[in-house]
Amino acid sequence: MNSLPIIPLFPSGQIVATPGALRLLEQAKRCPVEFLSRHFRGDWGDLCPDDRTENELSLKHGFRLMSSYAIAGSKKIWVITEADRSATTLLLPEEY
């Protein structure tokens, strides 16, 4: 079965990841594309309602976008796209 291509809601810029994020993804046997594709589709993950609202505003007005996803147990990975859309970074909350 062919899947439809993902049409992102915004440009990604350069995609980068911190060593901690890469280590967690490897340990959890998860692929970064899974979380990037969710982020680019506007699935912000485990954000509170206020942060979701902020992302919707940011999407319309070109501000920074952030998603948070549970990986393994209580561990999370964040995906942040800069306001100028120059870069999208996968990182751990403690690396922010």
Protein backbone atom coordinates (compact mmCIF):
# COMPACT_ATOMS: atom_id res chain seq x y z
CA MET A 1 0.00 0.00 0.00
CA ASN A 2 1.37 3.42 -0.94
CA SER A 3 1.09 6.13 1.66
CA LEU A 4 0.35 9.71 0.73
CA PRO A 5 3.21 12.17 1.06
CA ILE A 6 3.21 14.37 4.11
CA ILE A 7 2.56 17.99 3.24
CA PRO A 8 4.18 20.10 5.95
CA LEU A 9 2.36 23.12 7.35
CA PHE A 10 5.61 25.11 7.44
CA PRO A 11 9.23 24.92 6.21
CA SER A 12 11.63 22.89 8.34
CA GLY A 13 14.89 24.65 7.60
CA GLN A 14 17.98 22.60 8.46
CA ILE A 15 17.07 19.59 10.61
CA VAL A 16 19.47 18.93 13.47
CA ALA A 17 19.47 16.86 16.66
CA THR A 18 21.41 17.02 19.89
CA PRO A 19 23.54 14.04 20.97
CA GLY A 20 21.16 13.43 23.89
CA ALA A 21 18.12 13.28 21.61
CA LEU A 22 19.87 10.90 19.22
CA ARG A 23 20.96 8.68 22.12
CA LEU A 24 17.40 8.52 23.54
CA LEU A 25 15.90 7.72 20.13
CA GLU A 26 18.45 4.96 19.60
CA GLN A 27 17.88 3.48 23.08
CA ALA A 28 14.10 3.55 22.55
CA LYS A 29 14.47 2.13 19.01
CA ARG A 30 12.47 5.05 17.60
CA CYS A 31 13.04 6.91 14.35
CA PRO A 32 13.33 10.73 14.36
CA VAL A 33 11.19 10.90 11.20
CA GLU A 34 8.19 9.72 13.25
CA PHE A 35 8.36 12.80 15.44
CA LEU A 36 9.41 15.23 12.73
CA SER A 37 6.49 14.23 10.53
CA ARG A 38 4.05 14.71 13.42
CA HIS A 39 5.54 18.13 14.18
CA PHE A 40 5.38 19.26 10.54
CA ARG A 41 1.73 18.13 10.32
CA GLY A 42 0.75 20.22 13.36
CA ASP A 43 0.47 17.28 15.78
CA TRP A 44 2.13 19.03 18.71
CA GLY A 45 2.19 15.92 20.91
CA ASP A 46 1.94 16.24 24.67
CA LEU A 47 1.48 19.99 25.03
CA CYS A 48 -0.96 21.67 27.40
CA PRO A 49 -3.92 23.51 25.82
CA ASP A 50 -2.23 26.93 26.26
CA ASP A 51 0.91 25.77 24.44
CA ARG A 52 -1.20 24.25 21.65
CA THR A 53 -3.00 27.58 21.25
CA GLU A 54 0.36 29.37 21.21
CA ASN A 55 1.57 27.05 18.42
CA GLU A 56 -1.53 27.75 16.34
CA LEU A 57 -0.90 31.49 16.75
CA SER A 58 2.78 30.98 15.96
CA LEU A 59 1.89 29.02 12.83
CA LYS A 60 -0.21 31.93 11.54
CA HIS A 61 2.23 34.69 12.48
CA GLY A 62 5.61 33.05 11.93
CA PHE A 63 6.78 32.56 15.52
CA ARG A 64 8.71 29.62 17.00
CA LEU A 65 6.93 26.24 17.04
CA MET A 66 7.44 23.55 19.65
CA SER A 67 6.24 19.98 20.08
CA SER A 68 6.78 17.51 22.92
CA TYR A 69 6.54 13.74 22.57
CA ALA A 70 6.76 10.94 25.13
CA ILE A 71 9.43 8.44 24.12
CA ALA A 72 10.07 5.90 26.84
CA GLY A 73 8.35 6.04 30.20
CA SER A 74 8.66 9.60 31.47
CA LYS A 75 11.34 10.58 28.93
CA LYS A 76 10.41 13.16 26.32
CA ILE A 77 11.83 14.62 23.19
CA TRP A 78 11.15 18.15 22.04
CA VAL A 79 11.03 19.36 18.44
CA ILE A 80 11.50 23.10 17.95
CA THR A 81 11.32 25.03 14.69
CA GLU A 82 12.81 28.51 14.83
CA ALA A 83 10.65 31.54 14.08
CA ASP A 84 12.57 32.30 10.89
CA ARG A 85 12.15 28.62 9.85
CA SER A 86 15.93 28.33 9.43
CA ALA A 87 16.20 25.19 11.57
CA THR A 88 14.26 22.46 13.33
CA THR A 89 15.95 20.81 16.30
CA LEU A 90 15.24 17.55 18.13
CA LEU A 91 16.43 17.85 21.73
CA LEU A 92 15.80 16.74 25.27
CA PRO A 93 14.02 19.19 27.62
CA GLU A 94 17.14 19.39 29.82
CA GLU A 95 19.20 20.43 26.79
CA TYR A 96 17.08 23.53 26.16
